[in-house]
Amino acid sequence: MVKSKGAMEAEISKALTHWEKNYLGRGSVSVKADILRDMIIVVLQGILTPAEYALCKDREGLLSVKENRNSLVESGLEDLKEIVLTITGQEVLNFHTDISTQNGERVMVFKLCSDLQSLLS
C-alpha cells in the first residue's frame, strides 16, 4: 500500500525526532516535515539549550553555537539520508541546514533524486 503524503510527512517527523534523541542526546520541542516537489523541508523548534542561548549573546558565541550544531548534524548525515530513503524510497542528492540562534529553530532541506510530491498525488 502506498503511503499518503501526510502519513509520510508524519513518519519523517517522528523518525527525525527519534534520531535527534538517540544521536544528539536530546530532541526538539516540535518537528514538522513537508514534502514539496523534490524536497523535504523539515522545521525543528526548540533546538538550543539555555546555555547555548547564553553563548549567543555575542557574535563569537553565536558563530560558535551555529558551527558546532551544524557540525553535529553533518556528522550524522548518512543516518539522515538513510532515514529519508527508508521512508520515501528516494535517494537524497543534497542536504542543507541552518539554525536560528534567535529562536532556536532549525531548518533542514533534503533535495531528492525525483519529484516525490508528484508521485504521491
PDB file of N, CA and C in Angstrom:
ATOM      1  N   MET A   1       0.828  -1.180   0.000  1.00  0.00           N
ATOM      2  CA  MET A   1       0.000   0.000   0.000  1.00  0.00           C
ATOM      3  C   MET A   1       0.884   1.259   0.000  1.00  0.00           C
ATOM      4  N   VAL A   2       0.576   2.204  -0.850  1.00  0.00           N
ATOM      5  CA  VAL A   2       1.326   3.449  -0.949  1.00  0.00           C
ATOM      6  C   VAL A   2       0.884   4.385   0.178  1.00  0.00           C
ATOM      7  N   LYS A   3       1.856   4.973   0.853  1.00  0.00           N
ATOM      8  CA  LYS A   3       1.554   5.907   1.940  1.00  0.00           C
ATOM      9  C   LYS A   3       1.055   7.222   1.365  1.00  0.00           C
ATOM     10  N   SER A   4       0.206   7.899   2.126  1.00  0.00           N
ATOM     11  CA  SER A   4      -0.230   9.237   1.732  1.00  0.00           C
ATOM     12  C   SER A   4       0.887  10.229   2.034  1.00  0.00           C
ATOM     13  N   LYS A   5       0.796  11.406   1.432  1.00  0.00           N
ATOM     14  CA  LYS A   5       1.777  12.466   1.658  1.00  0.00           C
ATOM     15  C   LYS A   5       1.826  12.812   3.142  1.00  0.00           C
ATOM     16  N   GLY A   6       0.663  13.003   3.760  1.00  0.00           N
ATOM     17  CA  GLY A   6       0.594  13.347   5.171  1.00  0.00           C
ATOM     18  C   GLY A   6       1.181  12.272   6.075  1.00  0.00           C
ATOM     19  N   ALA A   7       0.899  11.013   5.752  1.00  0.00           N
ATOM     20  CA  ALA A   7       1.431   9.904   6.551  1.00  0.00           C
ATOM     21  C   ALA A   7       2.950   9.850   6.438  1.00  0.00           C
ATOM     22  N   MET A   8       3.459  10.097   5.242  1.00  0.00           N
ATOM     23  CA  MET A   8       4.901  10.084   5.029  1.00  0.00           C
ATOM     24  C   MET A   8       5.570  11.245   5.772  1.00  0.00           C
ATOM     25  N   GLU A   9       4.949  12.423   5.726  1.00  0.00           N
ATOM     26  CA  GLU A   9       5.489  13.587   6.435  1.00  0.00           C
ATOM     27  C   GLU A   9       5.525  13.334   7.943  1.00  0.00           C
ATOM     28  N   ALA A  10       4.464  12.732   8.467  1.00  0.00           N
ATOM     29  CA  ALA A  10       4.404  12.419   9.900  1.00  0.00           C
ATOM     30  C   ALA A  10       5.474  11.394  10.274  1.00  0.00           C
ATOM     31  N   GLU A  11       5.683  10.407   9.426  1.00  0.00           N
ATOM     32  CA  GLU A  11       6.683   9.378   9.683  1.00  0.00           C
ATOM     33  C   GLU A  11       8.100   9.971   9.670  1.00  0.00           C
ATOM     34  N   ILE A  12       8.351  10.888   8.751  1.00  0.00           N
ATOM     35  CA  ILE A  12       9.653  11.567   8.695  1.00  0.00           C
ATOM     36  C   ILE A  12       9.860  12.391   9.968  1.00  0.00           C
ATOM     37  N   SER A  13       8.847  13.138  10.378  1.00  0.00           N
ATOM     38  CA  SER A  13       8.944  13.947  11.597  1.00  0.00           C
ATOM     39  C   SER A  13       9.262  13.073  12.810  1.00  0.00           C
ATOM     40  N   LYS A  14       8.560  11.965  12.932  1.00  0.00           N
ATOM     41  CA  LYS A  14       8.766  11.054  14.066  1.00  0.00           C
ATOM     42  C   LYS A  14      10.163  10.447  14.025  1.00  0.00           C
ATOM     43  N   ALA A  15      10.616  10.048  12.849  1.00  0.00           N
ATOM     44  CA  ALA A  15      11.939   9.427  12.713  1.00  0.00           C
ATOM     45  C   ALA A  15      13.060  10.420  13.019  1.00  0.00           C
ATOM     46  N   LEU A  16      12.889  11.676  12.607  1.00  0.00           N
ATOM     47  CA  LEU A  16      13.915  12.676  12.889  1.00  0.00           C
ATOM     48  C   LEU A  16      13.956  13.026  14.379  1.00  0.00           C
ATOM     49  N   THR A  17      12.808  13.034  15.032  1.00  0.00           N
ATOM     50  CA  THR A  17      12.763  13.251  16.479  1.00  0.00           C
ATOM     51  C   THR A  17      13.513  12.127  17.183  1.00  0.00           C
ATOM     52  N   HIS A  18      13.265  10.910  16.756  1.00  0.00           N
ATOM     53  CA  HIS A  18      13.936   9.739  17.330  1.00  0.00           C
ATOM     54  C   HIS A  18      15.446   9.826  17.090  1.00  0.00           C
ATOM     55  N   TRP A  19      15.855  10.210  15.875  1.00  0.00           N
ATOM     56  CA  TRP A  19      17.282  10.350  15.546  1.00  0.00           C
ATOM     57  C   TRP A  19      17.940  11.403  16.443  1.00  0.00           C
ATOM     58  N   GLU A  20      17.269  12.536  16.606  1.00  0.00           N
ATOM     59  CA  GLU A  20      17.818  13.608  17.457  1.00  0.00           C
ATOM     60  C   GLU A  20      18.072  13.108  18.875  1.00  0.00           C
ATOM     61  N   LYS A  21      17.092  12.428  19.443  1.00  0.00           N
ATOM     62  CA  LYS A  21      17.225  11.948  20.820  1.00  0.00           C
ATOM     63  C   LYS A  21      18.348  10.927  20.944  1.00  0.00           C
ATOM     64  N   ASN A  22      18.459  10.022  19.985  1.00  0.00           N
ATOM     65  CA  ASN A  22      19.489   8.986  20.043  1.00  0.00           C
ATOM     66  C   ASN A  22      20.865   9.504  19.675  1.00  0.00           C
ATOM     67  N   TYR A  23      20.956  10.347  18.667  1.00  0.00           N
ATOM     68  CA  TYR A  23      22.257  10.787  18.151  1.00  0.00           C
ATOM     69  C   TYR A  23      22.777  12.028  18.867  1.00  0.00           C
ATOM     70  N   LEU A  24      21.903  12.997  19.101  1.00  0.00           N
ATOM     71  CA  LEU A  24      22.327  14.258  19.711  1.00  0.00           C
ATOM     72  C   LEU A  24      22.107  14.298  21.226  1.00  0.00           C
ATOM     73  N   GLY A  25      21.350  13.338  21.739  1.00  0.00           N
ATOM     74  CA  GLY A  25      21.150  13.274  23.184  1.00  0.00           C
ATOM     75  C   GLY A  25      19.921  13.994  23.694  1.00  0.00           C
ATOM     76  N   ARG A  26      19.296  14.775  22.847  1.00  0.00           N
ATOM     77  CA  ARG A  26      18.051  15.448  23.221  1.00  0.00           C
ATOM     78  C   ARG A  26      17.304  15.801  21.944  1.00  0.00           C
ATOM     79  N   GLY A  27      15.995  15.874  22.057  1.00  0.00           N
ATOM     80  CA  GLY A  27      15.180  16.174  20.885  1.00  0.00           C
ATOM     81  C   GLY A  27      14.645  17.591  20.913  1.00  0.00           C
ATOM     82  N   SER A  28      14.111  17.992  19.801  1.00  0.00           N
ATOM     83  CA  SER A  28      13.500  19.316  19.700  1.00  0.00           C
ATOM     84  C   SER A  28      12.113  19.277  20.340  1.00  0.00           C
ATOM     85  N   VAL A  29      11.538  20.464  20.536  1.00  0.00           N
ATOM     86  CA  VAL A  29      10.208  20.569  21.119  1.00  0.00           C
ATOM     87  C   VAL A  29       9.158  20.116  20.107  1.00  0.00           C
ATOM     88  N   SER A  30       9.347  20.497  18.836  1.00  0.00           N
ATOM     89  CA  SER A  30       8.421  20.061  17.788  1.00  0.00           C
ATOM     90  C   SER A  30       9.153  19.921  16.460  1.00  0.00           C
ATOM     91  N   VAL A  31       8.638  19.028  15.624  1.00  0.00           N
ATOM     92  CA  VAL A  31       9.215  18.770  14.305  1.00  0.00           C
ATOM     93  C   VAL A  31       8.070  18.710  13.304  1.00  0.00           C
ATOM     94  N   LYS A  32       8.233  19.391  12.177  1.00  0.00           N
ATOM     95  CA  LYS A  32       7.220  19.369  11.114  1.00  0.00           C
ATOM     96  C   LYS A  32       7.927  19.179   9.786  1.00  0.00           C
ATOM     97  N   ALA A  33       7.607  18.110   9.082  1.00  0.00           N
ATOM     98  CA  ALA A  33       8.176  17.834   7.763  1.00  0.00           C
ATOM     99  C   ALA A  33       7.129  18.096   6.690  1.00  0.00           C
ATOM    100  N   ASP A  34       7.563  18.688   5.587  1.00  0.00           N
ATOM    101  CA  ASP A  34       6.687  18.941   4.445  1.00  0.00           C
ATOM    102  C   ASP A  34       7.376  18.468   3.178  1.00  0.00           C
ATOM    103  N   ILE A  35       6.641  17.740   2.368  1.00  0.00           N
ATOM    104  CA  ILE A  35       7.142  17.303   1.067  1.00  0.00           C
ATOM    105  C   ILE A  35       6.691  18.338   0.041  1.00  0.00           C
ATOM    106  N   LEU A  36       7.654  18.911  -0.652  1.00  0.00           N
ATOM    107  CA  LEU A  36       7.373  19.931  -1.666  1.00  0.00           C
ATOM    108  C   LEU A  36       8.208  19.606  -2.903  1.00  0.00           C
ATOM    109  N   ARG A  37       7.537  19.210  -3.962  1.00  0.00           N
ATOM    110  CA  ARG A  37       8.191  18.798  -5.205  1.00  0.00           C
ATOM    111  C   ARG A  37       9.277  17.752  -4.918  1.00  0.00           C
ATOM    112  N   ASP A  38      10.534  18.088  -5.191  1.00  0.00           N
ATOM    113  CA  ASP A  38      11.628  17.135  -4.988  1.00  0.00           C
ATOM    114  C   ASP A  38      12.407  17.432  -3.705  1.00  0.00           C
ATOM    115  N   MET A  39      11.718  18.040  -2.740  1.00  0.00           N
ATOM    116  CA  MET A  39      12.370  18.395  -1.472  1.00  0.00           C
ATOM    117  C   MET A  39      11.531  17.948  -0.280  1.00  0.00           C
ATOM    118  N   ILE A  40      12.239  17.681   0.802  1.00  0.00           N
ATOM    119  CA  ILE A  40      11.585  17.511   2.095  1.00  0.00           C
ATOM    120  C   ILE A  40      12.133  18.636   2.965  1.00  0.00           C
ATOM    121  N   ILE A  41      11.234  19.480   3.430  1.00  0.00           N
ATOM    122  CA  ILE A  41      11.617  20.622   4.262  1.00  0.00           C
ATOM    123  C   ILE A  41      11.168  20.309   5.680  1.00  0.00           C
ATOM    124  N   VAL A  42      12.125  20.339   6.602  1.00  0.00           N
ATOM    125  CA  VAL A  42      11.839  19.994   7.983  1.00  0.00           C
ATOM    126  C   VAL A  42      12.150  21.194   8.865  1.00  0.00           C
ATOM    127  N   VAL A  43      11.199  21.569   9.714  1.00  0.00           N
ATOM    128  CA  VAL A  43      11.400  22.658  10.670  1.00  0.00           C
ATOM    129  C   VAL A  43      11.356  22.052  12.062  1.00  0.00           C
ATOM    130  N   LEU A  44      12.444  22.270  12.811  1.00  0.00           N
ATOM    131  CA  LEU A  44      12.562  21.747  14.171  1.00  0.00           C
ATOM    132  C   LEU A  44      12.620  22.932  15.128  1.00  0.00           C
ATOM    133  N   GLN A  45      11.746  22.934  16.115  1.00  0.00           N
ATOM    134  CA  GLN A  45      11.663  24.041  17.078  1.00  0.00           C
ATOM    135  C   GLN A  45      12.214  23.592  18.430  1.00  0.00           C
ATOM    136  N   GLY A  46      12.806  24.540  19.157  1.00  0.00           N
ATOM    137  CA  GLY A  46      13.291  24.246  20.499  1.00  0.00           C
ATOM    138  C   GLY A  46      14.580  23.453  20.510  1.00  0.00           C
ATOM    139  N   ILE A  47      15.502  23.811  19.652  1.00  0.00           N
ATOM    140  CA  ILE A  47      16.745  23.066  19.490  1.00  0.00           C
ATOM    141  C   ILE A  47      17.789  23.439  20.538  1.00  0.00           C
ATOM    142  N   LEU A  48      17.936  24.723  20.812  1.00  0.00           N
ATOM    143  CA  LEU A  48      19.039  25.197  21.653  1.00  0.00           C
ATOM    144  C   LEU A  48      18.774  25.016  23.146  1.00  0.00           C
ATOM    145  N   THR A  49      19.851  24.781  23.870  1.00  0.00           N
ATOM    146  CA  THR A  49      19.778  24.674  25.329  1.00  0.00           C
ATOM    147  C   THR A  49      19.873  26.076  25.938  1.00  0.00           C
ATOM    148  N   PRO A  50      19.493  26.247  27.199  1.00  0.00           N
ATOM    149  CA  PRO A  50      19.655  27.555  27.844  1.00  0.00           C
ATOM    150  C   PRO A  50      21.113  28.039  27.808  1.00  0.00           C
ATOM    151  N   ALA A  51      22.061  27.135  27.966  1.00  0.00           N
ATOM    152  CA  ALA A  51      23.482  27.519  27.919  1.00  0.00           C
ATOM    153  C   ALA A  51      23.860  28.044  26.530  1.00  0.00           C
ATOM    154  N   GLU A  52      23.312  27.430  25.487  1.00  0.00           N
ATOM    155  CA  GLU A  52      23.611  27.896  24.122  1.00  0.00           C
ATOM    156  C   GLU A  52      22.999  29.280  23.879  1.00  0.00           C
ATOM    157  N   TYR A  53      21.805  29.508  24.376  1.00  0.00           N
ATOM    158  CA  TYR A  53      21.210  30.851  24.255  1.00  0.00           C
ATOM    159  C   TYR A  53      22.104  31.893  24.930  1.00  0.00           C
ATOM    160  N   ALA A  54      22.648  31.551  26.092  1.00  0.00           N
ATOM    161  CA  ALA A  54      23.544  32.468  26.802  1.00  0.00           C
ATOM    162  C   ALA A  54      24.791  32.762  25.969  1.00  0.00           C
ATOM    163  N   LEU A  55      25.336  31.730  25.316  1.00  0.00           N
ATOM    164  CA  LEU A  55      26.512  31.913  24.458  1.00  0.00           C
ATOM    165  C   LEU A  55      26.215  32.812  23.261  1.00  0.00           C
ATOM    166  N   CYS A  56      24.985  32.783  22.797  1.00  0.00           N
ATOM    167  CA  CYS A  56      24.601  33.514  21.587  1.00  0.00           C
ATOM    168  C   CYS A  56      24.455  35.018  21.809  1.00  0.00           C
ATOM    169  N   LYS A  57      24.736  35.496  23.002  1.00  0.00           N
ATOM    170  CA  LYS A  57      24.580  36.926  23.281  1.00  0.00           C
ATOM    171  C   LYS A  57      25.643  37.780  22.615  1.00  0.00           C
ATOM    172  N   ASP A  58      26.779  37.168  22.236  1.00  0.00           N
ATOM    173  CA  ASP A  58      27.769  37.928  21.468  1.00  0.00           C
ATOM    174  C   ASP A  58      28.077  37.187  20.170  1.00  0.00           C
ATOM    175  N   ARG A  59      28.652  37.893  19.226  1.00  0.00           N
ATOM    176  CA  ARG A  59      28.880  37.350  17.876  1.00  0.00           C
ATOM    177  C   ARG A  59      29.751  36.098  17.877  1.00  0.00           C
ATOM    178  N   GLU A  60      30.801  36.112  18.675  1.00  0.00           N
ATOM    179  CA  GLU A  60      31.712  34.963  18.728  1.00  0.00           C
ATOM    180  C   GLU A  60      30.988  33.709  19.228  1.00  0.00           C
ATOM    181  N   GLY A  61      30.208  33.860  20.285  1.00  0.00           N
ATOM    182  CA  GLY A  61      29.445  32.740  20.825  1.00  0.00           C
ATOM    183  C   GLY A  61      28.391  32.252  19.861  1.00  0.00           C
ATOM    184  N   LEU A  62      27.717  33.196  19.211  1.00  0.00           N
ATOM    185  CA  LEU A  62      26.680  32.876  18.230  1.00  0.00           C
ATOM    186  C   LEU A  62      27.265  32.020  17.099  1.00  0.00           C
ATOM    187  N   LEU A  63      28.394  32.449  16.547  1.00  0.00           N
ATOM    188  CA  LEU A  63      29.033  31.698  15.457  1.00  0.00           C
ATOM    189  C   LEU A  63      29.510  30.331  15.927  1.00  0.00           C
ATOM    190  N   SER A  64      29.979  30.270  17.159  1.00  0.00           N
ATOM    191  CA  SER A  64      30.430  29.002  17.725  1.00  0.00           C
ATOM    192  C   SER A  64      29.272  28.006  17.853  1.00  0.00           C
ATOM    193  N   VAL A  65      28.148  28.474  18.366  1.00  0.00           N
ATOM    194  CA  VAL A  65      26.977  27.606  18.519  1.00  0.00           C
ATOM    195  C   VAL A  65      26.502  27.117  17.151  1.00  0.00           C
ATOM    196  N   LYS A  66      26.392  28.019  16.176  1.00  0.00           N
ATOM    197  CA  LYS A  66      25.957  27.636  14.824  1.00  0.00           C
ATOM    198  C   LYS A  66      26.899  26.585  14.238  1.00  0.00           C
ATOM    199  N   GLU A  67      28.202  26.844  14.341  1.00  0.00           N
ATOM    200  CA  GLU A  67      29.193  25.926  13.764  1.00  0.00           C
ATOM    201  C   GLU A  67      29.139  24.562  14.439  1.00  0.00           C
ATOM    202  N   ASN A  68      29.082  24.557  15.768  1.00  0.00           N
ATOM    203  CA  ASN A  68      29.049  23.284  16.491  1.00  0.00           C
ATOM    204  C   ASN A  68      27.776  22.495  16.200  1.00  0.00           C
ATOM    205  N   ARG A  69      26.638  23.161  16.221  1.00  0.00           N
ATOM    206  CA  ARG A  69      25.367  22.474  15.956  1.00  0.00           C
ATOM    207  C   ARG A  69      25.315  21.932  14.518  1.00  0.00           C
ATOM    208  N   ASN A  70      25.791  22.729  13.566  1.00  0.00           N
ATOM    209  CA  ASN A  70      25.787  22.268  12.180  1.00  0.00           C
ATOM    210  C   ASN A  70      26.753  21.103  11.985  1.00  0.00           C
ATOM    211  N   SER A  71      27.900  21.143  12.649  1.00  0.00           N
ATOM    212  CA  SER A  71      28.861  20.038  12.560  1.00  0.00           C
ATOM    213  C   SER A  71      28.272  18.750  13.130  1.00  0.00           C
ATOM    214  N   LEU A  72      27.545  18.864  14.229  1.00  0.00           N
ATOM    215  CA  LEU A  72      26.916  17.682  14.819  1.00  0.00           C
ATOM    216  C   LEU A  72      25.927  17.041  13.856  1.00  0.00           C
ATOM    217  N   VAL A  73      25.084  17.867  13.243  1.00  0.00           N
ATOM    218  CA  VAL A  73      24.091  17.343  12.304  1.00  0.00           C
ATOM    219  C   VAL A  73      24.791  16.755  11.077  1.00  0.00           C
ATOM    220  N   GLU A  74      25.774  17.465  10.540  1.00  0.00           N
ATOM    221  CA  GLU A  74      26.501  16.979   9.355  1.00  0.00           C
ATOM    222  C   GLU A  74      27.194  15.645   9.638  1.00  0.00           C
ATOM    223  N   SER A  75      27.673  15.443  10.872  1.00  0.00           N
ATOM    224  CA  SER A  75      28.357  14.188  11.198  1.00  0.00           C
ATOM    225  C   SER A  75      27.392  13.001  11.188  1.00  0.00           C
ATOM    226  N   GLY A  76      26.099  13.274  11.309  1.00  0.00           N
ATOM    227  CA  GLY A  76      25.091  12.215  11.255  1.00  0.00           C
ATOM    228  C   GLY A  76      24.342  12.173   9.942  1.00  0.00           C
ATOM    229  N   LEU A  77      24.897  12.811   8.921  1.00  0.00           N
ATOM    230  CA  LEU A  77      24.189  12.953   7.645  1.00  0.00           C
ATOM    231  C   LEU A  77      23.859  11.617   6.986  1.00  0.00           C
ATOM    232  N   GLU A  78      24.756  10.653   7.065  1.00  0.00           N
ATOM    233  CA  GLU A  78      24.476   9.351   6.431  1.00  0.00           C
ATOM    234  C   GLU A  78      23.255   8.696   7.065  1.00  0.00           C
ATOM    235  N   ASP A  79      23.122   8.820   8.385  1.00  0.00           N
ATOM    236  CA  ASP A  79      21.930   8.295   9.069  1.00  0.00           C
ATOM    237  C   ASP A  79      20.672   9.009   8.586  1.00  0.00           C
ATOM    238  N   LEU A  80      20.754  10.331   8.458  1.00  0.00           N
ATOM    239  CA  LEU A  80      19.602  11.118   8.000  1.00  0.00           C
ATOM    240  C   LEU A  80      19.193  10.722   6.583  1.00  0.00           C
ATOM    241  N   LYS A  81      20.168  10.555   5.708  1.00  0.00           N
ATOM    242  CA  LYS A  81      19.876  10.143   4.324  1.00  0.00           C
ATOM    243  C   LYS A  81      19.219   8.763   4.301  1.00  0.00           C
ATOM    244  N   GLU A  82      19.679   7.876   5.172  1.00  0.00           N
ATOM    245  CA  GLU A  82      19.120   6.527   5.237  1.00  0.00           C
ATOM    246  C   GLU A  82      17.677   6.561   5.743  1.00  0.00           C
ATOM    247  N   ILE A  83      17.397   7.425   6.712  1.00  0.00           N
ATOM    248  CA  ILE A  83      16.025   7.585   7.214  1.00  0.00           C
ATOM    249  C   ILE A  83      15.103   8.011   6.076  1.00  0.00           C
ATOM    250  N   VAL A  84      15.512   9.021   5.315  1.00  0.00           N
ATOM    251  CA  VAL A  84      14.694   9.526   4.205  1.00  0.00           C
ATOM    252  C   VAL A  84      14.511   8.441   3.141  1.00  0.00           C
ATOM    253  N   LEU A  85      15.579   7.742   2.797  1.00  0.00           N
ATOM    254  CA  LEU A  85      15.497   6.675   1.792  1.00  0.00           C
ATOM    255  C   LEU A  85      14.544   5.571   2.241  1.00  0.00           C
ATOM    256  N   THR A  86      14.647   5.174   3.491  1.00  0.00           N
ATOM    257  CA  THR A  86      13.804   4.097   4.021  1.00  0.00           C
ATOM    258  C   THR A  86      12.323   4.479   3.987  1.00  0.00           C
ATOM    259  N   ILE A  87      12.016   5.704   4.367  1.00  0.00           N
ATOM    260  CA  ILE A  87      10.612   6.131   4.449  1.00  0.00           C
ATOM    261  C   ILE A  87      10.036   6.454   3.078  1.00  0.00           C
ATOM    262  N   THR A  88      10.832   7.107   2.221  1.00  0.00           N
ATOM    263  CA  THR A  88      10.299   7.613   0.955  1.00  0.00           C
ATOM    264  C   THR A  88      10.664   6.767  -0.266  1.00  0.00           C
ATOM    265  N   GLY A  89      11.720   5.987  -0.147  1.00  0.00           N
ATOM    266  CA  GLY A  89      12.223   5.254  -1.307  1.00  0.00           C
ATOM    267  C   GLY A  89      13.026   6.145  -2.246  1.00  0.00           C
ATOM    268  N   GLN A  90      13.310   7.372  -1.811  1.00  0.00           N
ATOM    269  CA  GLN A  90      14.025   8.355  -2.639  1.00  0.00           C
ATOM    270  C   GLN A  90      15.424   8.613  -2.073  1.00  0.00           C
ATOM    271  N   GLU A  91      16.396   8.675  -2.972  1.00  0.00           N
ATOM    272  CA  GLU A  91      17.761   8.995  -2.580  1.00  0.00           C
ATOM    273  C   GLU A  91      17.884  10.499  -2.365  1.00  0.00           C
ATOM    274  N   VAL A  92      18.647  10.883  -1.353  1.00  0.00           N
ATOM    275  CA  VAL A  92      18.919  12.291  -1.074  1.00  0.00           C
ATOM    276  C   VAL A  92      20.138  12.710  -1.886  1.00  0.00           C
ATOM    277  N   LEU A  93      19.959  13.714  -2.748  1.00  0.00           N
ATOM    278  CA  LEU A  93      21.064  14.215  -3.567  1.00  0.00           C
ATOM    279  C   LEU A  93      21.865  15.280  -2.832  1.00  0.00           C
ATOM    280  N   ASN A  94      21.175  16.170  -2.119  1.00  0.00           N
ATOM    281  CA  ASN A  94      21.815  17.262  -1.390  1.00  0.00           C
ATOM    282  C   ASN A  94      21.093  17.498  -0.082  1.00  0.00           C
ATOM    283  N   PHE A  95      21.824  18.075   0.862  1.00  0.00           N
ATOM    284  CA  PHE A  95      21.274  18.382   2.178  1.00  0.00           C
ATOM    285  C   PHE A  95      21.740  19.775   2.570  1.00  0.00           C
ATOM    286  N   HIS A  96      20.816  20.581   3.061  1.00  0.00           N
ATOM    287  CA  HIS A  96      21.121  21.940   3.509  1.00  0.00           C
ATOM    288  C   HIS A  96      20.491  22.126   4.888  1.00  0.00           C
ATOM    289  N   THR A  97      21.174  22.850   5.771  1.00  0.00           N
ATOM    290  CA  THR A  97      20.611  23.104   7.087  1.00  0.00           C
ATOM    291  C   THR A  97      21.156  24.409   7.649  1.00  0.00           C
ATOM    292  N   ASP A  98      20.364  25.021   8.499  1.00  0.00           N
ATOM    293  CA  ASP A  98      20.804  26.189   9.252  1.00  0.00           C
ATOM    294  C   ASP A  98      19.962  26.265  10.513  1.00  0.00           C
ATOM    295  N   ILE A  99      20.491  26.982  11.507  1.00  0.00           N
ATOM    296  CA  ILE A  99      19.796  27.143  12.776  1.00  0.00           C
ATOM    297  C   ILE A  99      19.736  28.624  13.118  1.00  0.00           C
ATOM    298  N   SER A 100      18.607  29.036  13.646  1.00  0.00           N
ATOM    299  CA  SER A 100      18.449  30.412  14.109  1.00  0.00           C
ATOM    300  C   SER A 100      18.861  30.471  15.576  1.00  0.00           C
ATOM    301  N   THR A 101      19.825  31.327  15.867  1.00  0.00           N
ATOM    302  CA  THR A 101      20.232  31.492  17.261  1.00  0.00           C
ATOM    303  C   THR A 101      19.297  32.466  17.983  1.00  0.00           C
ATOM    304  N   GLN A 102      18.374  33.067  17.248  1.00  0.00           N
ATOM    305  CA  GLN A 102      17.385  33.971  17.861  1.00  0.00           C
ATOM    306  C   GLN A 102      16.256  33.188  18.512  1.00  0.00           C
ATOM    307  N   ASN A 103      15.733  32.187  17.781  1.00  0.00           N
ATOM    308  CA  ASN A 103      14.575  31.455  18.310  1.00  0.00           C
ATOM    309  C   ASN A 103      14.803  29.950  18.452  1.00  0.00           C
ATOM    310  N   GLY A 104      16.010  29.474  18.171  1.00  0.00           N
ATOM    311  CA  GLY A 104      16.312  28.056  18.354  1.00  0.00           C
ATOM    312  C   GLY A 104      15.638  27.145  17.354  1.00  0.00           C
ATOM    313  N   GLU A 105      15.329  27.665  16.189  1.00  0.00           N
ATOM    314  CA  GLU A 105      14.661  26.877  15.146  1.00  0.00           C
ATOM    315  C   GLU A 105      15.694  26.410  14.123  1.00  0.00           C
ATOM    316  N   ARG A 106      15.636  25.139  13.746  1.00  0.00           N
ATOM    317  CA  ARG A 106      16.496  24.585  12.699  1.00  0.00           C
ATOM    318  C   ARG A 106      15.643  24.260  11.492  1.00  0.00           C
ATOM    319  N   VAL A 107      16.178  24.542  10.314  1.00  0.00           N
ATOM    320  CA  VAL A 107      15.541  24.141   9.066  1.00  0.00           C
ATOM    321  C   VAL A 107      16.478  23.171   8.360  1.00  0.00           C
ATOM    322  N   MET A 108      15.924  22.058   7.920  1.00  0.00           N
ATOM    323  CA  MET A 108      16.668  21.077   7.124  1.00  0.00           C
ATOM    324  C   MET A 108      15.964  20.959   5.785  1.00  0.00           C
ATOM    325  N   VAL A 109      16.734  20.896   4.716  1.00  0.00           N
ATOM    326  CA  VAL A 109      16.173  20.674   3.388  1.00  0.00           C
ATOM    327  C   VAL A 109      16.888  19.478   2.769  1.00  0.00           C
ATOM    328  N   PHE A 110      16.109  18.456   2.456  1.00  0.00           N
ATOM    329  CA  PHE A 110      16.622  17.284   1.761  1.00  0.00           C
ATOM    330  C   PHE A 110      16.202  17.400   0.297  1.00  0.00           C
ATOM    331  N   LYS A 111      17.148  17.493  -0.610  1.00  0.00           N
ATOM    332  CA  LYS A 111      16.865  17.561  -2.052  1.00  0.00           C
ATOM    333  C   LYS A 111      16.923  16.131  -2.573  1.00  0.00           C
ATOM    334  N   LEU A 112      15.815  15.671  -3.132  1.00  0.00           N
ATOM    335  CA  LEU A 112      15.663  14.269  -3.545  1.00  0.00           C
ATOM    336  C   LEU A 112      15.998  14.057  -5.022  1.00  0.00           C
ATOM    337  N   CYS A 113      16.137  12.797  -5.398  1.00  0.00           N
ATOM    338  CA  CYS A 113      16.500  12.451  -6.779  1.00  0.00           C
ATOM    339  C   CYS A 113      15.319  12.595  -7.738  1.00  0.00           C
ATOM    340  N   SER A 114      14.097  12.696  -7.235  1.00  0.00           N
ATOM    341  CA  SER A 114      12.943  12.886  -8.119  1.00  0.00           C
ATOM    342  C   SER A 114      11.839  13.649  -7.381  1.00  0.00           C
ATOM    343  N   ASP A 115      10.804  13.990  -8.110  1.00  0.00           N
ATOM    344  CA  ASP A 115       9.687  14.767  -7.570  1.00  0.00           C
ATOM    345  C   ASP A 115       8.755  13.857  -6.783  1.00  0.00           C
ATOM    346  N   LEU A 116       9.009  13.736  -5.486  1.00  0.00           N
ATOM    347  CA  LEU A 116       8.229  12.850  -4.612  1.00  0.00           C
ATOM    348  C   LEU A 116       6.781  13.310  -4.525  1.00  0.00           C
ATOM    349  N   GLN A 117       6.556  14.608  -4.486  1.00  0.00           N
ATOM    350  CA  GLN A 117       5.186  15.125  -4.353  1.00  0.00           C
ATOM    351  C   GLN A 117       4.300  14.639  -5.508  1.00  0.00           C
ATOM    352  N   SER A 118       4.826  14.660  -6.729  1.00  0.00           N
ATOM    353  CA  SER A 118       4.009  14.224  -7.872  1.00  0.00           C
ATOM    354  C   SER A 118       3.763  12.721  -7.838  1.00  0.00           C
ATOM    355  N   LEU A 119       4.692  11.957  -7.246  1.00  0.00           N
ATOM    356  CA  LEU A 119       4.495  10.520  -7.133  1.00  0.00           C
ATOM    357  C   LEU A 119       3.397  10.178  -6.122  1.00  0.00           C
ATOM    358  N   LEU A 120       3.184  11.068  -5.144  1.00  0.00           N
ATOM    359  CA  LEU A 120       2.187  10.835  -4.101  1.00  0.00           C
ATOM    360  C   LEU A 120       0.815  11.398  -4.463  1.00  0.00           C
ATOM    361  N   SER A 121       0.756  12.219  -5.489  1.00  0.00           N
ATOM    362  CA  SER A 121      -0.516  12.862  -5.872  1.00  0.00           C
ATOM    363  C   SER A 121      -1.377  11.957  -6.705  1.00  0.00           C
TER     364      SER A 121
END
